Amino acid sequence: MCSMCLQLRERISSAKDEIEKGTSNTELRVHKARAKNFFEVLRDEDPSKLIVSFDCEKNIPVPRLPDQCVYYSKLFYVFNFTVVRGRSDTNISPENVTSFMWTENELPKDANSIALCVFDFLQSTDMSDYTTLGVVSNGCGGQNKNTVMVAMILKWFVTGHSYIPPDKAFGFIERDIKKREIIRTREEVYDQVSKHSTVKKVGKDTKVYDYKGSLKGSKPNNILVCGEPHNKTDIDTYRNLFMTKCSYNDIQHTKMTTRNKVTTEKEKEVENLLQKHYGEKWRSFEALKFYAHVIDGSEDSASTETQCCQSQAEEQNVFI
C-alpha cells in the first residue's frame, strides 16, 4: 500500500470540517492521477521508443544456513541491480532482463555504482531502431534521482505507486532463493538470478567509472528536477540536482577499482558463524575462499553516501 495514500485517507477520515476534507480528497485524486500517468510510460506501444526500467533488489545475505543464529548475525551482502528492457507486460527472461551483481567488499550500493551499471547497459544496447529512450525508475534520491545519475546520462525520474518490471523479476528470484536451505557462496546466488536474467558481474563484465568524483570542482550550472528527495515524500517542487560548483558541460569520468571496505564487526560475526558450522579450518574449504579473502584482506571503514539536492544560487537552469 502506498504510504501517501494511507496518509491522505487518514487525513480525510479525521478531517474536522468539509474544507479540510475536500482539500485532502483533491490531493488524493491528483496523487492517483500522477501514479496512473507514471504507468502510462510503461504501456507506451510506440515501436520507435525503447522503454527501460530499473531497480535494486533487497540485499541478499550470504552465507544462508539452517541456523537460528544467522537471523541475529551481520552477514555479507550480495547486491542485485536489475534492468528490464521492454514494457510492463514484458516477459521476464534472460533475453529482456540484465542483472548487475556485486558484493559489498567490491563496491558500495550507492549512486555511482547504479550509474555505472546503467551506463554499461546503454552502451551495450543497439539503439539503431529507436528514436526515443524512456527510462523508468522509482524516486529514490540515493540511487536513481541524483546528480551522479544525471552526470552519467549527460555523458553518453512519482513515489509510492512504483511497482515496475524489475520488481516482477525480484519476485521470481526471491522465490527461488527461499527454496534453497543452504547458500554458501555468492556464485550460488548468481546461479539463481541467472534463471531469470542475464547476469553481469560488476568490475568483471563491466567497466567501473567514478561519476561522483567527476562532479567535483566544476563550474556551477543548475539542473532543476521536479521530484522527491526521498521515496516517502511528495513535495512536488523543483530543486537543484547538482552539488555545489558542479557542471554538466564538461563532465569527465575516470576508471576506479572494485575495492570496498566491510566493517570489522560484520567480518567477525561472519567468521564466528563459519567457524561454528565448518570448524577452525574453514578457510581450507574451496567454496569458502570468498569469505577468507574478504575477512583477511579488508579493513574497517564507513561508506560515504551520495549527497544530492544541495541548494545553490540559480545560474543556468535546466528543468526536468
C-alpha atoms as a PDB file:
ATOM      1  CA  MET A   1       0.000   0.000   0.000  1.00  0.00           C
ATOM      2  CA  CYS A   2       1.294   3.475  -0.902  1.00  0.00           C
ATOM      3  CA  SER A   3       2.285   5.471   2.184  1.00  0.00           C
ATOM      4  CA  MET A   4       0.989   8.702   0.623  1.00  0.00           C
ATOM      5  CA  CYS A   5      -2.453   7.133   0.012  1.00  0.00           C
ATOM      6  CA  LEU A   6      -2.600   5.919   3.603  1.00  0.00           C
ATOM      7  CA  GLN A   7      -1.638   9.359   4.901  1.00  0.00           C
ATOM      8  CA  LEU A   8      -4.244  11.190   2.823  1.00  0.00           C
ATOM      9  CA  ARG A   9      -7.017   8.699   3.652  1.00  0.00           C
ATOM     10  CA  GLU A  10      -6.244   9.092   7.336  1.00  0.00           C
ATOM     11  CA  ARG A  11      -6.453  12.877   6.978  1.00  0.00           C
ATOM     12  CA  ILE A  12      -9.803  12.538   5.190  1.00  0.00           C
ATOM     13  CA  SER A  13     -11.264  10.267   7.868  1.00  0.00           C
ATOM     14  CA  SER A  14     -10.098  12.577  10.683  1.00  0.00           C
ATOM     15  CA  ALA A  15     -10.950  15.904   8.995  1.00  0.00           C
ATOM     16  CA  LYS A  16     -12.862  18.291  11.272  1.00  0.00           C
ATOM     17  CA  ASP A  17     -14.567  20.306   8.527  1.00  0.00           C
ATOM     18  CA  GLU A  18     -15.619  19.933   4.895  1.00  0.00           C
ATOM     19  CA  ILE A  19     -12.921  22.293   3.585  1.00  0.00           C
ATOM     20  CA  GLU A  20     -10.102  20.227   5.069  1.00  0.00           C
ATOM     21  CA  LYS A  21     -11.755  17.025   3.871  1.00  0.00           C
ATOM     22  CA  GLY A  22     -12.226  18.424   0.362  1.00  0.00           C
ATOM     23  CA  THR A  23      -8.599  19.542   0.172  1.00  0.00           C
ATOM     24  CA  SER A  24      -7.336  16.086   1.161  1.00  0.00           C
ATOM     25  CA  ASN A  25      -9.696  14.420  -1.317  1.00  0.00           C
ATOM     26  CA  THR A  26      -8.324  16.617  -4.080  1.00  0.00           C
ATOM     27  CA  GLU A  27      -4.737  15.809  -3.130  1.00  0.00           C
ATOM     28  CA  LEU A  28      -5.554  12.091  -3.185  1.00  0.00           C
ATOM     29  CA  ARG A  29      -7.129  12.318  -6.657  1.00  0.00           C
ATOM     30  CA  VAL A  30      -4.131  14.245  -8.006  1.00  0.00           C
ATOM     31  CA  HIS A  31      -1.734  11.770  -6.433  1.00  0.00           C
ATOM     32  CA  LYS A  32      -3.534   8.799  -8.037  1.00  0.00           C
ATOM     33  CA  ALA A  33      -3.668  10.599 -11.391  1.00  0.00           C
ATOM     34  CA  ARG A  34       0.094  11.129 -11.279  1.00  0.00           C
ATOM     35  CA  ALA A  35       0.583   7.455 -10.420  1.00  0.00           C
ATOM     36  CA  LYS A  36      -1.602   6.440 -13.374  1.00  0.00           C
ATOM     37  CA  ASN A  37       0.382   8.702 -15.676  1.00  0.00           C
ATOM     38  CA  PHE A  38       3.598   7.114 -14.364  1.00  0.00           C
ATOM     39  CA  PHE A  39       2.494   3.681 -15.583  1.00  0.00           C
ATOM     40  CA  GLU A  40       1.335   5.041 -18.942  1.00  0.00           C
ATOM     41  CA  VAL A  41       5.027   5.332 -19.843  1.00  0.00           C
ATOM     42  CA  LEU A  42       5.453   1.591 -19.272  1.00  0.00           C
ATOM     43  CA  ARG A  43       2.460   0.857 -21.533  1.00  0.00           C
ATOM     44  CA  ASP A  44       3.627   3.008 -24.447  1.00  0.00           C
ATOM     45  CA  GLU A  45       3.384   0.908 -27.650  1.00  0.00           C
ATOM     46  CA  ASP A  46       5.366   3.240 -29.911  1.00  0.00           C
ATOM     47  CA  PRO A  47       7.804   0.906 -31.770  1.00  0.00           C
ATOM     48  CA  SER A  48      10.342   3.708 -32.138  1.00  0.00           C
ATOM     49  CA  LYS A  49      10.576   4.140 -28.359  1.00  0.00           C
ATOM     50  CA  LEU A  50      12.766   1.930 -26.173  1.00  0.00           C
ATOM     51  CA  ILE A  51      11.437   1.569 -22.621  1.00  0.00           C
ATOM     52  CA  VAL A  52      13.976   0.702 -19.928  1.00  0.00           C
ATOM     53  CA  SER A  53      13.110   0.269 -16.248  1.00  0.00           C
ATOM     54  CA  PHE A  54      15.486  -0.496 -13.391  1.00  0.00           C
ATOM     55  CA  ASP A  55      15.577  -1.025  -9.637  1.00  0.00           C
ATOM     56  CA  CYS A  56      17.645  -2.575  -6.832  1.00  0.00           C
ATOM     57  CA  GLU A  57      16.578  -5.833  -5.224  1.00  0.00           C
ATOM     58  CA  LYS A  58      16.752  -6.023  -1.436  1.00  0.00           C
ATOM     59  CA  ASN A  59      20.206  -7.089  -0.234  1.00  0.00           C
ATOM     60  CA  ILE A  60      20.821 -10.839  -0.440  1.00  0.00           C
ATOM     61  CA  PRO A  61      22.770 -12.043   2.646  1.00  0.00           C
ATOM     62  CA  VAL A  62      25.336 -14.847   2.463  1.00  0.00           C
ATOM     63  CA  PRO A  63      26.013 -17.402   3.784  1.00  0.00           C
ATOM     64  CA  ARG A  64      22.474 -18.788   4.050  1.00  0.00           C
ATOM     65  CA  LEU A  65      22.490 -21.560   6.674  1.00  0.00           C
ATOM     66  CA  PRO A  66      19.830 -23.509   8.605  1.00  0.00           C
ATOM     67  CA  ASP A  67      20.896 -21.987  11.918  1.00  0.00           C
ATOM     68  CA  GLN A  68      18.843 -19.726  14.191  1.00  0.00           C
ATOM     69  CA  CYS A  69      21.872 -17.568  14.999  1.00  0.00           C
ATOM     70  CA  VAL A  70      22.013 -16.496  11.326  1.00  0.00           C
ATOM     71  CA  TYR A  71      18.898 -14.390  11.987  1.00  0.00           C
ATOM     72  CA  TYR A  72      20.816 -12.299  14.546  1.00  0.00           C
ATOM     73  CA  SER A  73      24.145 -12.148  12.715  1.00  0.00           C
ATOM     74  CA  LYS A  74      25.510  -9.499  10.373  1.00  0.00           C
ATOM     75  CA  LEU A  75      26.194 -11.209   7.042  1.00  0.00           C
ATOM     76  CA  PHE A  76      27.896 -10.226   3.803  1.00  0.00           C
ATOM     77  CA  TYR A  77      25.594  -8.751   1.167  1.00  0.00           C
ATOM     78  CA  VAL A  78      25.230  -9.622  -2.496  1.00  0.00           C
ATOM     79  CA  PHE A  79      23.763  -6.680  -4.456  1.00  0.00           C
ATOM     80  CA  ASN A  80      21.492  -7.068  -7.491  1.00  0.00           C
ATOM     81  CA  PHE A  81      20.675  -4.106  -9.719  1.00  0.00           C
ATOM     82  CA  THR A  82      18.263  -5.204 -12.444  1.00  0.00           C
ATOM     83  CA  VAL A  83      17.442  -3.532 -15.763  1.00  0.00           C
ATOM     84  CA  VAL A  84      14.391  -4.669 -17.751  1.00  0.00           C
ATOM     85  CA  ARG A  85      14.122  -3.853 -21.420  1.00  0.00           C
ATOM     86  CA  GLY A  86      10.518  -3.521 -22.565  1.00  0.00           C
ATOM     87  CA  ARG A  87       7.043  -2.557 -21.380  1.00  0.00           C
ATOM     88  CA  SER A  88       5.084  -3.591 -18.302  1.00  0.00           C
ATOM     89  CA  ASP A  89       3.903  -6.833 -19.938  1.00  0.00           C
ATOM     90  CA  THR A  90       7.425  -7.853 -20.955  1.00  0.00           C
ATOM     91  CA  ASN A  91       8.289 -11.491 -20.374  1.00  0.00           C
ATOM     92  CA  ILE A  92      10.835 -11.872 -17.558  1.00  0.00           C
ATOM     93  CA  SER A  93      13.661 -13.832 -19.194  1.00  0.00           C
ATOM     94  CA  PRO A  94      17.433 -13.531 -19.718  1.00  0.00           C
ATOM     95  CA  GLU A  95      16.774 -12.028 -23.155  1.00  0.00           C
ATOM     96  CA  ASN A  96      14.972  -8.996 -21.682  1.00  0.00           C
ATOM     97  CA  VAL A  97      16.462  -8.748 -18.186  1.00  0.00           C
ATOM     98  CA  THR A  98      20.022  -7.877 -17.174  1.00  0.00           C
ATOM     99  CA  SER A  99      21.173  -8.201 -13.556  1.00  0.00           C
ATOM    100  CA  PHE A 100      24.315  -6.364 -12.493  1.00  0.00           C
ATOM    101  CA  MET A 101      25.689  -8.122  -9.420  1.00  0.00           C
ATOM    102  CA  TRP A 102      28.486  -7.443  -6.975  1.00  0.00           C
ATOM    103  CA  THR A 103      29.316  -7.924  -3.294  1.00  0.00           C
ATOM    104  CA  GLU A 104      29.805  -5.255  -0.657  1.00  0.00           C
ATOM    105  CA  ASN A 105      33.562  -5.854  -0.478  1.00  0.00           C
ATOM    106  CA  GLU A 106      33.838  -4.810  -4.128  1.00  0.00           C
ATOM    107  CA  LEU A 107      31.703  -1.663  -4.338  1.00  0.00           C
ATOM    108  CA  PRO A 108      29.130   0.103  -2.146  1.00  0.00           C
ATOM    109  CA  LYS A 109      25.496   0.200  -3.263  1.00  0.00           C
ATOM    110  CA  ASP A 110      25.410   3.905  -3.993  1.00  0.00           C
ATOM    111  CA  ALA A 111      24.548   6.305  -6.798  1.00  0.00           C
ATOM    112  CA  ASN A 112      27.894   5.820  -8.524  1.00  0.00           C
ATOM    113  CA  SER A 113      27.502   2.032  -8.713  1.00  0.00           C
ATOM    114  CA  ILE A 114      23.960   2.400 -10.078  1.00  0.00           C
ATOM    115  CA  ALA A 115      25.090   4.943 -12.680  1.00  0.00           C
ATOM    116  CA  LEU A 116      27.926   2.788 -13.996  1.00  0.00           C
ATOM    117  CA  CYS A 117      25.530  -0.168 -14.423  1.00  0.00           C
ATOM    118  CA  VAL A 118      23.025   1.936 -16.379  1.00  0.00           C
ATOM    119  CA  PHE A 119      25.871   3.328 -18.488  1.00  0.00           C
ATOM    120  CA  ASP A 120      27.092  -0.169 -19.323  1.00  0.00           C
ATOM    121  CA  PHE A 121      23.550  -1.221 -20.296  1.00  0.00           C
ATOM    122  CA  LEU A 122      23.063   1.796 -22.560  1.00  0.00           C
ATOM    123  CA  GLN A 123      26.479   1.356 -24.159  1.00  0.00           C
ATOM    124  CA  SER A 124      25.823  -2.316 -24.952  1.00  0.00           C
ATOM    125  CA  THR A 125      22.295  -1.747 -26.332  1.00  0.00           C
ATOM    126  CA  ASP A 126      21.707  -1.297 -30.057  1.00  0.00           C
ATOM    127  CA  MET A 127      19.732   1.946 -30.425  1.00  0.00           C
ATOM    128  CA  SER A 128      19.625   1.967 -34.229  1.00  0.00           C
ATOM    129  CA  ASP A 129      15.896   1.055 -34.361  1.00  0.00           C
ATOM    130  CA  TYR A 130      14.816   3.678 -31.803  1.00  0.00           C
ATOM    131  CA  THR A 131      14.433   7.449 -31.810  1.00  0.00           C
ATOM    132  CA  THR A 132      13.373   7.855 -28.155  1.00  0.00           C
ATOM    133  CA  LEU A 133      14.627   6.327 -24.910  1.00  0.00           C
ATOM    134  CA  GLY A 134      12.219   6.091 -21.977  1.00  0.00           C
ATOM    135  CA  VAL A 135      13.936   5.470 -18.624  1.00  0.00           C
ATOM    136  CA  VAL A 136      11.628   4.459 -15.753  1.00  0.00           C
ATOM    137  CA  SER A 137      12.520   4.034 -12.094  1.00  0.00           C
ATOM    138  CA  ASN A 138      11.278   4.955  -8.639  1.00  0.00           C
ATOM    139  CA  GLY A 139      12.073   8.276  -6.954  1.00  0.00           C
ATOM    140  CA  CYS A 140      14.850   7.101  -4.627  1.00  0.00           C
ATOM    141  CA  GLY A 141      17.262  10.015  -4.313  1.00  0.00           C
ATOM    142  CA  GLY A 142      20.183   7.932  -3.040  1.00  0.00           C
ATOM    143  CA  GLN A 143      20.167   5.635  -6.060  1.00  0.00           C
ATOM    144  CA  ASN A 144      18.261   6.939  -9.064  1.00  0.00           C
ATOM    145  CA  LYS A 145      17.309  10.614  -8.935  1.00  0.00           C
ATOM    146  CA  ASN A 146      20.544  12.419  -8.135  1.00  0.00           C
ATOM    147  CA  THR A 147      23.438  14.390  -9.552  1.00  0.00           C
ATOM    148  CA  VAL A 148      25.553  11.307 -10.281  1.00  0.00           C
ATOM    149  CA  MET A 149      22.875   9.687 -12.460  1.00  0.00           C
ATOM    150  CA  VAL A 150      22.314  12.925 -14.377  1.00  0.00           C
ATOM    151  CA  ALA A 151      26.075  13.266 -14.905  1.00  0.00           C
ATOM    152  CA  MET A 152      26.171   9.778 -16.407  1.00  0.00           C
ATOM    153  CA  ILE A 153      23.107  10.346 -18.625  1.00  0.00           C
ATOM    154  CA  LEU A 154      24.519  13.638 -19.892  1.00  0.00           C
ATOM    155  CA  LYS A 155      27.850  11.988 -20.646  1.00  0.00           C
ATOM    156  CA  TRP A 156      26.782   9.366 -23.137  1.00  0.00           C
ATOM    157  CA  PHE A 157      12.869  10.118 -12.682  1.00  0.00           C
ATOM    158  CA  VAL A 158       6.162   9.679  -8.868  1.00  0.00           C
ATOM    159  CA  THR A 159       6.675   7.976  -5.499  1.00  0.00           C
ATOM    160  CA  GLY A 160       4.564   5.318  -3.741  1.00  0.00           C
ATOM    161  CA  HIS A 161       2.908   3.648  -6.766  1.00  0.00           C
ATOM    162  CA  SER A 162       6.106   2.332  -8.329  1.00  0.00           C
ATOM    163  CA  TYR A 163       5.749  -1.398  -8.930  1.00  0.00           C
ATOM    164  CA  ILE A 164       7.746  -1.757 -12.129  1.00  0.00           C
ATOM    165  CA  PRO A 165       9.030  -4.718 -14.221  1.00  0.00           C
ATOM    166  CA  PRO A 166      12.236  -5.220 -12.155  1.00  0.00           C
ATOM    167  CA  ASP A 167      10.035  -5.870  -9.099  1.00  0.00           C
ATOM    168  CA  LYS A 168       8.464  -8.756 -11.018  1.00  0.00           C
ATOM    169  CA  ALA A 169      11.919 -10.195 -11.669  1.00  0.00           C
ATOM    170  CA  PHE A 170      12.857  -9.774  -7.982  1.00  0.00           C
ATOM    171  CA  GLY A 171       9.785 -11.793  -7.000  1.00  0.00           C
ATOM    172  CA  PHE A 172      10.902 -14.737  -9.139  1.00  0.00           C
ATOM    173  CA  ILE A 173      14.472 -14.517  -7.836  1.00  0.00           C
ATOM    174  CA  GLU A 174      13.492 -14.333  -4.155  1.00  0.00           C
ATOM    175  CA  ARG A 175      11.076 -17.249  -4.613  1.00  0.00           C
ATOM    176  CA  ASP A 176      13.921 -19.428  -5.901  1.00  0.00           C
ATOM    177  CA  ILE A 177      16.340 -18.325  -3.181  1.00  0.00           C
ATOM    178  CA  LYS A 178      13.837 -19.181  -0.445  1.00  0.00           C
ATOM    179  CA  LYS A 179      13.694 -22.741  -1.779  1.00  0.00           C
ATOM    180  CA  ARG A 180      17.404 -23.148  -1.053  1.00  0.00           C
ATOM    181  CA  GLU A 181      18.010 -24.032   2.598  1.00  0.00           C
ATOM    182  CA  ILE A 182      21.774 -23.531   2.240  1.00  0.00           C
ATOM    183  CA  ILE A 183      23.605 -20.993   0.082  1.00  0.00           C
ATOM    184  CA  ARG A 184      27.342 -20.971   0.773  1.00  0.00           C
ATOM    185  CA  THR A 185      28.738 -18.731  -1.929  1.00  0.00           C
ATOM    186  CA  ARG A 186      27.843 -15.662  -3.947  1.00  0.00           C
ATOM    187  CA  GLU A 187      28.193 -17.789  -7.090  1.00  0.00           C
ATOM    188  CA  GLU A 188      25.184 -19.813  -5.930  1.00  0.00           C
ATOM    189  CA  VAL A 189      23.213 -16.550  -5.709  1.00  0.00           C
ATOM    190  CA  TYR A 190      24.357 -15.600  -9.216  1.00  0.00           C
ATOM    191  CA  ASP A 191      23.151 -19.008 -10.477  1.00  0.00           C
ATOM    192  CA  GLN A 192      19.661 -18.431  -9.054  1.00  0.00           C
ATOM    193  CA  VAL A 193      19.461 -14.954 -10.575  1.00  0.00           C
ATOM    194  CA  SER A 194      20.676 -16.231 -13.969  1.00  0.00           C
ATOM    195  CA  LYS A 195      17.467 -18.282 -14.318  1.00  0.00           C
ATOM    196  CA  HIS A 196      15.547 -15.054 -14.914  1.00  0.00           C
ATOM    197  CA  SER A 197      18.141 -12.601 -16.221  1.00  0.00           C
ATOM    198  CA  THR A 198      21.494 -12.162 -17.890  1.00  0.00           C
ATOM    199  CA  VAL A 199      23.987 -11.727 -15.061  1.00  0.00           C
ATOM    200  CA  LYS A 200      26.794  -9.192 -15.390  1.00  0.00           C
ATOM    201  CA  LYS A 201      29.414  -9.114 -12.644  1.00  0.00           C
ATOM    202  CA  VAL A 202      30.295  -5.504 -11.930  1.00  0.00           C
ATOM    203  CA  GLY A 203      34.033  -4.962 -12.321  1.00  0.00           C
ATOM    204  CA  LYS A 204      34.478  -8.124 -14.387  1.00  0.00           C
ATOM    205  CA  ASP A 205      31.857  -7.796 -17.111  1.00  0.00           C
ATOM    206  CA  THR A 206      31.544  -4.004 -16.814  1.00  0.00           C
ATOM    207  CA  LYS A 207      33.923  -1.084 -16.530  1.00  0.00           C
ATOM    208  CA  VAL A 208      33.822   0.860 -13.257  1.00  0.00           C
ATOM    209  CA  TYR A 209      33.831   4.663 -13.504  1.00  0.00           C
ATOM    210  CA  ASP A 210      33.891   7.335 -10.813  1.00  0.00           C
ATOM    211  CA  TYR A 211      30.961   9.536 -11.855  1.00  0.00           C
ATOM    212  CA  LYS A 212      30.679  11.093  -8.398  1.00  0.00           C
ATOM    213  CA  GLY A 213      34.289  12.252  -8.467  1.00  0.00           C
ATOM    214  CA  SER A 214      33.792  13.823 -11.885  1.00  0.00           C
ATOM    215  CA  LEU A 215      31.352  16.348 -10.379  1.00  0.00           C
ATOM    216  CA  LYS A 216      33.825  17.965  -8.000  1.00  0.00           C
ATOM    217  CA  GLY A 217      35.299  21.387  -8.705  1.00  0.00           C
ATOM    218  CA  SER A 218      33.339  22.156 -11.886  1.00  0.00           C
ATOM    219  CA  LYS A 219      31.568  25.358 -12.854  1.00  0.00           C
ATOM    220  CA  PRO A 220      28.054  25.974 -11.463  1.00  0.00           C
ATOM    221  CA  ASN A 221      25.091  25.073 -13.643  1.00  0.00           C
ATOM    222  CA  ASN A 222      21.713  24.084 -12.225  1.00  0.00           C
ATOM    223  CA  ILE A 223      19.555  21.142 -13.187  1.00  0.00           C
ATOM    224  CA  LEU A 224      16.165  21.567 -11.570  1.00  0.00           C
ATOM    225  CA  VAL A 225      14.155  18.389 -11.076  1.00  0.00           C
ATOM    226  CA  CYS A 226      10.520  18.183 -10.096  1.00  0.00           C
ATOM    227  CA  GLY A 227      10.900  15.159  -7.848  1.00  0.00           C
ATOM    228  CA  GLU A 228      11.332  13.978  -4.321  1.00  0.00           C
ATOM    229  CA  PRO A 229      14.454  13.897  -2.106  1.00  0.00           C
ATOM    230  CA  HIS A 230      13.203  10.670  -0.523  1.00  0.00           C
ATOM    231  CA  ASN A 231      10.913   7.875  -1.708  1.00  0.00           C
ATOM    232  CA  LYS A 232       8.329   8.628   1.018  1.00  0.00           C
ATOM    233  CA  THR A 233       7.852  12.318   0.253  1.00  0.00           C
ATOM    234  CA  ASP A 234       5.605  14.125  -2.186  1.00  0.00           C
ATOM    235  CA  ILE A 235       6.599  17.824  -2.088  1.00  0.00           C
ATOM    236  CA  ASP A 236       6.120  18.400  -5.850  1.00  0.00           C
ATOM    237  CA  THR A 237       8.629  21.262  -6.122  1.00  0.00           C
ATOM    238  CA  TYR A 238      11.681  21.925  -8.299  1.00  0.00           C
ATOM    239  CA  ARG A 239      15.050  21.585  -6.566  1.00  0.00           C
ATOM    240  CA  ASN A 240      18.608  21.744  -7.851  1.00  0.00           C
ATOM    241  CA  LEU A 241      20.074  18.323  -8.520  1.00  0.00           C
ATOM    242  CA  PHE A 242      23.764  19.171  -8.772  1.00  0.00           C
ATOM    243  CA  MET A 243      26.098  19.630  -5.856  1.00  0.00           C
ATOM    244  CA  THR A 244      27.889  22.951  -5.308  1.00  0.00           C
ATOM    245  CA  LYS A 245      30.154  24.032  -8.161  1.00  0.00           C
ATOM    246  CA  CYS A 246      29.263  21.173 -10.457  1.00  0.00           C
ATOM    247  CA  SER A 247      28.659  21.493 -14.185  1.00  0.00           C
ATOM    248  CA  TYR A 248      27.036  19.290 -16.783  1.00  0.00           C
ATOM    249  CA  ASN A 249      29.054  20.821 -19.640  1.00  0.00           C
ATOM    250  CA  ASP A 250      32.487  19.301 -19.023  1.00  0.00           C
ATOM    251  CA  ILE A 251      31.922  16.092 -17.070  1.00  0.00           C
ATOM    252  CA  GLN A 252      34.886  13.716 -17.240  1.00  0.00           C
ATOM    253  CA  HIS A 253      34.750  10.314 -15.574  1.00  0.00           C
ATOM    254  CA  THR A 254      37.738   8.178 -14.581  1.00  0.00           C
ATOM    255  CA  LYS A 255      38.078   4.464 -14.015  1.00  0.00           C
ATOM    256  CA  MET A 256      38.184   3.158 -10.443  1.00  0.00           C
ATOM    257  CA  THR A 257      38.995  -0.154  -8.768  1.00  0.00           C
ATOM    258  CA  THR A 258      36.440  -2.566  -7.310  1.00  0.00           C
ATOM    259  CA  ARG A 259      37.563  -2.360  -3.730  1.00  0.00           C
ATOM    260  CA  ASN A 260      35.249  -1.520  -0.826  1.00  0.00           C
ATOM    261  CA  LYS A 261      35.614  -1.836   2.937  1.00  0.00           C
ATOM    262  CA  VAL A 262      33.497  -4.178   5.060  1.00  0.00           C
ATOM    263  CA  THR A 263      33.095  -3.310   8.746  1.00  0.00           C
ATOM    264  CA  THR A 264      35.193  -5.239  11.251  1.00  0.00           C
ATOM    265  CA  GLU A 265      32.071  -6.073  13.266  1.00  0.00           C
ATOM    266  CA  LYS A 266      30.450  -7.770  10.280  1.00  0.00           C
ATOM    267  CA  GLU A 267      33.665  -9.643   9.456  1.00  0.00           C
ATOM    268  CA  LYS A 268      33.884 -11.038  12.998  1.00  0.00           C
ATOM    269  CA  GLU A 269      30.251 -12.200  13.041  1.00  0.00           C
ATOM    270  CA  VAL A 270      30.573 -13.962   9.679  1.00  0.00           C
ATOM    271  CA  GLU A 271      33.844 -15.585  10.787  1.00  0.00           C
ATOM    272  CA  ASN A 272      32.241 -16.842  14.028  1.00  0.00           C
ATOM    273  CA  LEU A 273      29.346 -18.277  12.034  1.00  0.00           C
ATOM    274  CA  LEU A 274      31.661 -20.094   9.615  1.00  0.00           C
ATOM    275  CA  GLN A 275      33.780 -21.473  12.476  1.00  0.00           C
ATOM    276  CA  LYS A 276      30.666 -22.805  14.165  1.00  0.00           C
ATOM    277  CA  HIS A 277      29.486 -24.678  11.063  1.00  0.00           C
ATOM    278  CA  TYR A 278      32.737 -25.673   9.370  1.00  0.00           C
ATOM    279  CA  GLY A 279      35.305 -25.690  12.193  1.00  0.00           C
ATOM    280  CA  GLU A 280      38.542 -23.766  12.790  1.00  0.00           C
ATOM    281  CA  LYS A 281      39.910 -24.817   9.386  1.00  0.00           C
ATOM    282  CA  TRP A 282      37.016 -23.399   7.408  1.00  0.00           C
ATOM    283  CA  ARG A 283      39.466 -21.386   5.266  1.00  0.00           C
ATOM    284  CA  SER A 284      40.649 -24.639   3.677  1.00  0.00           C
ATOM    285  CA  PHE A 285      37.239 -25.191   2.043  1.00  0.00           C
ATOM    286  CA  GLU A 286      37.359 -24.114  -1.594  1.00  0.00           C
ATOM    287  CA  ALA A 287      33.718 -22.961  -1.505  1.00  0.00           C
ATOM    288  CA  LEU A 288      34.521 -20.557   1.352  1.00  0.00           C
ATOM    289  CA  LYS A 289      37.551 -18.838  -0.222  1.00  0.00           C
ATOM    290  CA  PHE A 290      35.460 -15.727  -0.884  1.00  0.00           C
ATOM    291  CA  TYR A 291      34.865 -15.172   2.846  1.00  0.00           C
ATOM    292  CA  ALA A 292      38.530 -15.773   3.668  1.00  0.00           C
ATOM    293  CA  HIS A 293      39.516 -13.172   1.076  1.00  0.00           C
ATOM    294  CA  VAL A 294      37.125 -10.555   2.474  1.00  0.00           C
ATOM    295  CA  ILE A 295      37.900 -11.201   6.163  1.00  0.00           C
ATOM    296  CA  ASP A 296      41.682 -11.452   5.797  1.00  0.00           C
ATOM    297  CA  GLY A 297      42.091  -8.679   3.266  1.00  0.00           C
ATOM    298  CA  SER A 298      39.767  -5.787   4.222  1.00  0.00           C
ATOM    299  CA  GLU A 299      39.804  -3.073   6.840  1.00  0.00           C
ATOM    300  CA  ASP A 300      37.094  -1.283   8.797  1.00  0.00           C
ATOM    301  CA  SER A 301      35.633   1.749   7.125  1.00  0.00           C
ATOM    302  CA  ALA A 302      32.295   3.525   6.756  1.00  0.00           C
ATOM    303  CA  SER A 303      30.967   4.186   3.270  1.00  0.00           C
ATOM    304  CA  THR A 304      30.307   7.746   2.220  1.00  0.00           C
ATOM    305  CA  GLU A 305      26.753   8.201   0.978  1.00  0.00           C
ATOM    306  CA  THR A 306      25.953  10.244  -2.080  1.00  0.00           C
ATOM    307  CA  GLN A 307      24.872  13.809  -1.459  1.00  0.00           C
ATOM    308  CA  CYS A 308      22.115  15.157  -3.661  1.00  0.00           C
ATOM    309  CA  CYS A 309      19.665  18.023  -3.950  1.00  0.00           C
ATOM    310  CA  GLN A 310      22.005  20.596  -2.400  1.00  0.00           C
ATOM    311  CA  SER A 311      20.802  24.135  -2.931  1.00  0.00           C
ATOM    312  CA  GLN A 312      22.807  26.893  -4.604  1.00  0.00           C
ATOM    313  CA  ALA A 313      22.267  30.231  -6.303  1.00  0.00           C
ATOM    314  CA  GLU A 314      20.498  29.951  -9.638  1.00  0.00           C
ATOM    315  CA  GLU A 315      22.664  30.218 -12.736  1.00  0.00           C
ATOM    316  CA  GLN A 316      21.719  28.462 -15.970  1.00  0.00           C
ATOM    317  CA  ASN A 317      18.735  26.189 -15.293  1.00  0.00           C
ATOM    318  CA  VAL A 318      17.615  23.003 -16.987  1.00  0.00           C
ATOM    319  CA  PHE A 319      14.171  21.757 -15.934  1.00  0.00           C
ATOM    320  CA  ILE A 320      13.367  18.023 -15.800  1.00  0.00           C
END
